Amino acid sequence: MKVGFIGLGMMGSGMAANLQKAGYDLVVHDLRRAAAEPYLAKGAVWAEDPRTVAMSSEVVFTSLPGPPEVESVALGERGILSGMSAGKAYFDLSTNSPTLVRKVHAAFAEKNVYMLDSPVSGGPRGAQTGRLALWVGGDEQIFNRHKKVLDAIGDRARYVGPIGAGSVAKLVHNGAGYCLQTALAEMFTVGVKAGIEPLALWEAVRDGASGRRRTFDGLIDQFLPRKYEPAAFALRLAHKDMSLATALGRELNVPMRIANMALAELTEALNRGWGDRDSRSPMLLQEERAGVEIKVDPQRIQHALERDLPAAGGPKRG
């Protein structure tokens, strides 16, 4: 199979290298021809533009900085679409806008060719080692048809839904990560200013209930099944803990914007009379504001855990 790859930057370089290691014949393009030299030296073919890549390949991948670059490369005058023939597939590995993804998909569909959004997570090191998650949105049959080549790029290629779903999953993942990053910076500054040595603090909290569990595993017991009773850890106790944490911040004159927002959520839930419900019950407040109800059958959750056994472990919060 001839595989086209456009965008040989920090992420694309590792992914293209792994495709070549897996035995695929590459057709490559980048704004800088020098970036392609390592692949050309190992037998890849250089293409002068995205159109030529598409004409020369059975499947095309792009790894680009963002939506403007993807739109230009995919739909430009000598873009990918102009070189595609019926039945071929294009996977965009970039972190992209779901709105743009759907626009590009619609344009491709008019020519009876396939576009799937397939953002990746794992960073440059994951791109080099092949330890990447790929979240793919689009035609599931096309995903299945190209699963083998996707597995050469990353070890966790997962179909998540219709076109745009991959990009939504990536934005949820990254958005949650940066929210956590902000909260961790806030709480660690409190701990260090209170006199704890940073490494000792990190080692201590890493051994706690949240520290031992994978980040998103905290959603499986209460939030996803919408089951907040009986409580694993009562809201009234969580409110007490957060009140003490924010009080410490005030004593030390440390700004705690995120913690105060979290305390406000806990307080609103407490005022609803939810004190004996689980400490995650305030998450229902955001569902109300967003106008959605999240409720997953526990059997489906268990099935998902069985497919991914390492996610199943970890203690409950307390």
Protein backbone atom coordinates (compact mmCIF):
# COMPACT_ATOMS: atom_id res chain seq x y z
CA MET A 1 0.00 0.00 0.00
CA LYS A 2 1.24 3.48 -0.87
CA VAL A 3 0.63 5.90 1.97
CA GLY A 4 0.73 9.66 1.56
CA PHE A 5 1.94 11.75 4.47
CA ILE A 6 1.83 15.56 4.62
CA GLY A 7 3.37 17.49 7.51
CA LEU A 8 6.69 16.20 8.86
CA GLY A 9 6.96 18.38 11.97
CA MET A 10 7.37 17.38 15.62
CA MET A 11 4.43 14.96 15.53
CA GLY A 12 4.34 14.02 11.86
CA SER A 13 8.00 13.04 11.70
CA GLY A 14 7.62 10.24 14.23
CA MET A 15 4.36 8.95 12.77
CA ALA A 16 5.76 8.89 9.23
CA ALA A 17 8.86 7.06 10.47
CA ASN A 18 6.72 4.37 12.09
CA LEU A 19 4.72 3.90 8.90
CA GLN A 20 7.97 3.42 7.03
CA LYS A 21 9.24 0.96 9.67
CA ALA A 22 6.02 -1.02 9.26
CA GLY A 23 6.84 -1.50 5.58
CA TYR A 24 4.54 1.03 3.93
CA ASP A 25 5.73 2.86 0.82
CA LEU A 26 5.55 6.58 1.62
CA VAL A 27 4.80 9.55 -0.58
CA VAL A 28 5.68 12.64 1.45
CA HIS A 29 5.28 16.40 1.33
CA ASP A 30 6.17 19.26 3.67
CA LEU A 31 6.69 22.99 3.29
CA ARG A 32 10.38 22.27 3.90
CA ARG A 33 11.81 19.61 1.63
CA ALA A 34 14.68 19.19 4.11
CA ALA A 35 12.20 17.70 6.59
CA ALA A 36 11.53 14.88 4.13
CA GLU A 37 15.17 13.93 3.50
CA PRO A 38 15.37 11.17 6.17
CA TYR A 39 12.38 9.42 4.57
CA LEU A 40 13.59 9.92 1.02
CA ALA A 41 16.88 8.34 2.03
CA LYS A 42 14.94 5.22 3.05
CA GLY A 43 12.94 4.97 -0.15
CA ALA A 44 10.07 7.42 0.22
CA VAL A 45 8.94 9.45 -2.79
CA TRP A 46 8.80 13.25 -2.72
CA ALA A 47 5.65 15.02 -3.95
CA GLU A 48 5.68 18.69 -4.91
CA ASP A 49 2.22 19.42 -3.52
CA PRO A 50 -0.74 17.79 -1.70
CA ARG A 51 -2.51 17.08 -4.99
CA THR A 52 0.41 14.91 -6.14
CA VAL A 53 0.44 13.10 -2.80
CA ALA A 54 -3.23 12.23 -3.21
CA MET A 55 -2.83 11.11 -6.80
CA SER A 56 0.06 8.83 -5.88
CA SER A 57 -1.37 7.24 -2.72
CA GLU A 58 -4.16 4.91 -1.67
CA VAL A 59 -4.63 6.66 1.68
CA VAL A 60 -3.43 10.10 2.80
CA PHE A 61 -2.55 11.39 6.27
CA THR A 62 -1.95 14.98 7.37
CA SER A 63 -0.35 16.23 10.58
CA LEU A 64 -0.65 20.01 10.53
CA PRO A 65 -0.62 22.92 13.01
CA GLY A 66 -4.33 23.75 12.92
CA PRO A 67 -7.57 24.44 11.02
CA PRO A 68 -6.25 27.06 8.52
CA GLU A 69 -3.47 24.75 7.37
CA VAL A 70 -5.79 21.76 7.12
CA GLU A 71 -8.34 23.69 5.06
CA SER A 72 -5.65 24.93 2.69
CA VAL A 73 -3.98 21.54 2.27
CA ALA A 74 -7.27 19.64 1.92
CA LEU A 75 -9.33 22.04 -0.21
CA GLY A 76 -6.80 24.39 -1.82
CA GLU A 77 -6.23 24.75 -5.56
CA ARG A 78 -3.67 21.95 -5.57
CA GLY A 79 -4.96 20.38 -2.40
CA ILE A 80 -5.67 16.78 -1.49
CA LEU A 81 -9.24 16.77 -2.79
CA SER A 82 -8.15 17.83 -6.27
CA GLY A 83 -6.01 14.68 -6.52
CA MET A 84 -8.36 12.13 -4.97
CA SER A 85 -10.25 9.50 -6.94
CA ALA A 86 -13.37 7.62 -5.87
CA GLY A 87 -12.97 5.30 -2.90
CA LYS A 88 -9.75 6.77 -1.54
CA ALA A 89 -9.51 7.91 2.08
CA TYR A 90 -7.97 10.88 3.87
CA PHE A 91 -7.26 10.87 7.63
CA ASP A 92 -6.44 14.19 9.34
CA LEU A 93 -4.27 13.57 12.41
CA SER A 94 -4.24 17.24 13.43
CA THR A 95 -6.02 18.78 16.43
CA ASN A 96 -8.79 20.46 14.50
CA SER A 97 -12.11 22.28 14.66
CA PRO A 98 -15.09 19.89 14.41
CA THR A 99 -16.88 22.52 12.30
CA LEU A 100 -14.05 22.63 9.75
CA VAL A 101 -13.77 18.84 9.79
CA ARG A 102 -17.43 18.55 8.80
CA LYS A 103 -16.96 21.15 6.06
CA VAL A 104 -14.01 19.25 4.60
CA HIS A 105 -15.86 15.94 4.92
CA ALA A 106 -18.85 17.32 3.02
CA ALA A 107 -16.62 18.53 0.18
CA PHE A 108 -14.92 15.13 -0.05
CA ALA A 109 -18.24 13.28 0.03
CA GLU A 110 -19.36 15.15 -3.10
CA LYS A 111 -16.52 13.42 -4.97
CA ASN A 112 -17.25 10.02 -3.41
CA VAL A 113 -14.05 10.05 -1.37
CA TYR A 114 -13.71 9.68 2.38
CA MET A 115 -12.43 12.08 5.00
CA LEU A 116 -12.05 11.03 8.65
CA ASP A 117 -10.84 13.15 11.56
CA SER A 118 -8.22 11.24 13.54
CA PRO A 119 -6.48 13.47 16.10
CA VAL A 120 -3.76 11.85 18.17
CA SER A 121 -2.61 12.09 21.78
CA GLY A 122 0.76 11.14 23.16
CA GLY A 123 3.06 14.01 22.26
CA PRO A 124 6.24 13.88 20.17
CA ARG A 125 7.65 11.01 22.21
CA GLY A 126 4.49 8.98 21.68
CA ALA A 127 4.67 9.75 17.97
CA GLN A 128 8.22 8.38 17.90
CA THR A 129 7.54 5.25 19.97
CA GLY A 130 4.11 4.46 18.54
CA ARG A 131 2.44 4.88 21.94
CA LEU A 132 -0.35 7.09 20.64
CA ALA A 133 -4.10 7.25 21.01
CA LEU A 134 -5.97 7.96 17.78
CA TRP A 135 -9.60 9.05 18.07
CA VAL A 136 -11.31 8.53 14.73
CA GLY A 137 -14.57 10.02 13.54
CA GLY A 138 -16.23 9.24 10.21
CA ASP A 139 -17.29 6.18 8.26
CA GLU A 140 -16.76 3.13 10.51
CA GLN A 141 -16.27 0.76 7.56
CA ILE A 142 -13.41 2.95 6.27
CA PHE A 143 -11.91 2.99 9.77
CA ASN A 144 -12.03 -0.82 9.87
CA ARG A 145 -10.60 -1.08 6.35
CA HIS A 146 -7.57 1.00 7.33
CA LYS A 147 -7.17 -0.22 10.92
CA LYS A 148 -3.90 -1.97 10.12
CA VAL A 149 -2.22 1.19 8.84
CA LEU A 150 -3.64 3.17 11.79
CA ASP A 151 -2.09 0.58 14.13
CA ALA A 152 1.30 1.34 12.57
CA ILE A 153 0.90 4.95 13.75
CA GLY A 154 -0.35 4.34 17.30
CA ASP A 155 -1.22 1.55 19.70
CA ARG A 156 -4.68 2.84 20.61
CA ALA A 157 -6.66 3.56 17.45
CA ARG A 158 -10.31 3.84 18.46
CA TYR A 159 -13.45 4.58 16.45
CA VAL A 160 -15.50 7.10 18.45
CA GLY A 161 -18.40 8.06 16.18
CA PRO A 162 -19.49 10.07 13.12
CA ILE A 163 -17.40 12.75 11.45
CA GLY A 164 -16.16 15.34 13.95
CA ALA A 165 -16.36 12.96 16.92
CA GLY A 166 -12.60 12.40 16.94
CA SER A 167 -11.94 16.14 17.15
CA VAL A 168 -14.52 16.57 19.91
CA ALA A 169 -12.87 13.78 21.93
CA LYS A 170 -9.46 15.41 21.50
CA LEU A 171 -10.72 18.84 22.60
CA VAL A 172 -12.46 17.34 25.65
CA HIS A 173 -9.26 15.50 26.57
CA ASN A 174 -6.98 18.51 26.16
CA GLY A 175 -9.42 20.97 27.70
CA ALA A 176 -9.81 18.80 30.79
CA GLY A 177 -6.04 18.39 31.00
CA TYR A 178 -5.38 22.14 31.00
CA CYS A 179 -8.11 22.71 33.59
CA LEU A 180 -6.41 20.11 35.80
CA GLN A 181 -3.04 21.72 35.12
CA THR A 182 -4.35 25.06 36.37
CA ALA A 183 -5.87 23.48 39.47
CA LEU A 184 -2.70 21.56 40.29
CA ALA A 185 -0.55 24.67 39.98
CA GLU A 186 -2.93 26.47 42.34
CA MET A 187 -3.00 23.79 45.01
CA PHE A 188 0.73 23.08 44.85
CA THR A 189 1.57 26.75 45.42
CA VAL A 190 -0.56 26.58 48.57
CA GLY A 191 1.24 23.47 49.77
CA VAL A 192 4.72 24.85 49.09
CA LYS A 193 3.93 28.23 50.64
CA ALA A 194 2.62 26.34 53.69
CA GLY A 195 6.11 24.90 54.10
CA ILE A 196 6.18 21.52 52.35
CA GLU A 197 9.16 20.76 50.10
CA PRO A 198 7.83 20.39 46.51
CA LEU A 199 9.09 16.87 45.83
CA ALA A 200 7.86 15.62 49.18
CA LEU A 201 4.46 17.14 48.45
CA TRP A 202 4.34 15.53 45.02
CA GLU A 203 5.29 12.13 46.44
CA ALA A 204 2.65 12.45 49.15
CA VAL A 205 -0.31 13.38 46.95
CA ARG A 206 0.68 10.84 44.32
CA ASP A 207 -0.05 8.13 46.89
CA GLY A 208 -3.56 9.43 47.56
CA ALA A 209 -6.81 8.12 46.09
CA SER A 210 -6.77 10.54 43.15
CA GLY A 211 -3.05 10.05 42.58
CA ARG A 212 -3.28 6.29 42.22
CA ARG A 213 -6.11 6.36 39.72
CA ARG A 214 -6.01 7.13 36.00
CA THR A 215 -7.32 10.63 35.42
CA PHE A 216 -10.66 9.80 33.83
CA ASP A 217 -11.38 6.67 35.86
CA GLY A 218 -12.96 8.96 38.45
CA LEU A 219 -15.99 9.22 36.16
CA ILE A 220 -16.98 5.56 36.09
CA ASP A 221 -18.54 5.07 39.54
CA GLN A 222 -20.89 8.06 39.85
CA PHE A 223 -20.87 10.47 36.89
CA LEU A 224 -21.28 8.10 33.94
CA PRO A 225 -23.92 5.82 35.54
CA ARG A 226 -25.58 8.87 37.19
CA LYS A 227 -25.52 7.13 40.56
CA TYR A 228 -24.69 9.34 43.53
CA GLU A 229 -26.24 7.25 46.30
CA PRO A 230 -25.06 5.58 48.42
CA ALA A 231 -22.09 7.90 48.74
CA ALA A 232 -18.55 6.61 48.36
CA PHE A 233 -17.51 9.89 50.02
CA ALA A 234 -20.21 12.26 51.22
CA LEU A 235 -20.64 15.75 49.77
CA ARG A 236 -20.78 17.32 53.26
CA LEU A 237 -17.32 15.91 53.99
CA ALA A 238 -15.95 17.10 50.65
CA HIS A 239 -17.38 20.57 51.38
CA LYS A 240 -15.60 20.56 54.72
CA ASP A 241 -12.31 19.55 53.08
CA MET A 242 -12.57 22.22 50.40
CA SER A 243 -13.50 24.86 52.97
CA LEU A 244 -10.34 24.01 54.90
CA ALA A 245 -8.20 24.10 51.72
CA THR A 246 -9.48 27.53 50.68
CA ALA A 247 -9.09 28.81 54.24
CA LEU A 248 -5.43 27.75 54.13
CA GLY A 249 -5.02 29.70 50.91
CA ARG A 250 -6.48 32.83 52.51
CA GLU A 251 -4.18 32.48 55.53
CA LEU A 252 -1.17 32.30 53.22
CA ASN A 253 -2.41 35.03 50.87
CA VAL A 254 -2.38 32.65 47.89
CA PRO A 255 -4.92 33.37 45.10
CA MET A 256 -7.23 30.36 44.67
CA ARG A 257 -9.59 31.12 41.79
CA ILE A 258 -10.13 27.50 40.77
CA ALA A 259 -10.51 26.22 44.32
CA ASN A 260 -13.04 28.93 45.16
CA MET A 261 -15.06 28.06 42.07
CA ALA A 262 -15.01 24.41 43.14
CA LEU A 263 -16.10 25.37 46.66
CA ALA A 264 -18.96 27.42 45.20
CA GLU A 265 -20.13 24.34 43.27
CA LEU A 266 -19.98 22.19 46.39
CA THR A 267 -21.86 24.86 48.36
CA GLU A 268 -24.63 25.13 45.76
CA ALA A 269 -25.06 21.36 45.79
CA LEU A 270 -25.04 21.33 49.60
CA ASN A 271 -27.77 23.99 49.57
CA ARG A 272 -29.85 21.66 47.40
CA GLY A 273 -29.90 19.24 50.32
CA TRP A 274 -27.43 16.82 48.78
CA GLY A 275 -25.09 16.62 51.79
CA ASP A 276 -25.35 12.85 52.14
CA ARG A 277 -25.06 12.19 48.41
CA ASP A 278 -21.70 11.42 46.85
CA SER A 279 -19.10 14.19 46.65
CA ARG A 280 -19.35 14.11 42.85
CA SER A 281 -23.05 15.00 42.87
CA PRO A 282 -22.24 18.70 42.14
CA MET A 283 -21.40 17.54 38.62
CA LEU A 284 -25.17 17.38 38.10
CA LEU A 285 -25.27 21.18 38.33
CA GLN A 286 -23.20 21.49 35.15
CA GLU A 287 -25.46 19.01 33.38
CA GLU A 288 -28.42 21.23 34.26
CA ARG A 289 -26.69 24.34 32.92
CA ALA A 290 -25.63 22.60 29.71
CA GLY A 291 -29.08 21.08 29.18
CA VAL A 292 -27.83 17.50 28.87
CA GLU A 293 -28.33 14.33 30.87
CA ILE A 294 -25.45 11.88 31.05
CA LYS A 295 -26.41 8.34 32.01
CA VAL A 296 -24.66 5.19 30.81
CA ASP A 297 -25.79 1.64 31.48
CA PRO A 298 -23.37 0.15 34.06
CA GLN A 299 -23.03 -3.00 31.93
CA ARG A 300 -21.70 -0.90 29.04
CA ILE A 301 -19.19 0.73 31.39
CA GLN A 302 -18.07 -2.69 32.62
CA HIS A 303 -17.69 -3.91 29.05
CA ALA A 304 -15.53 -0.87 28.24
CA LEU A 305 -13.35 -1.57 31.28
CA GLU A 306 -12.91 -5.19 30.26
CA ARG A 307 -11.68 -4.06 26.84
CA ASP A 308 -9.12 -1.85 28.59
CA LEU A 309 -8.21 -3.69 31.78
CA PRO A 310 -5.57 -1.24 33.13
CA ALA A 311 -8.32 1.39 33.51
CA ALA A 312 -10.34 -0.79 35.85
CA GLY A 313 -8.15 -0.47 38.95
CA GLY A 314 -7.76 2.21 41.53
CA PRO A 315 -9.31 3.06 44.88
CA LYS A 316 -12.42 5.10 45.43
CA ARG A 317 -12.13 8.72 46.49
CA GLY A 318 -12.13 9.43 50.19
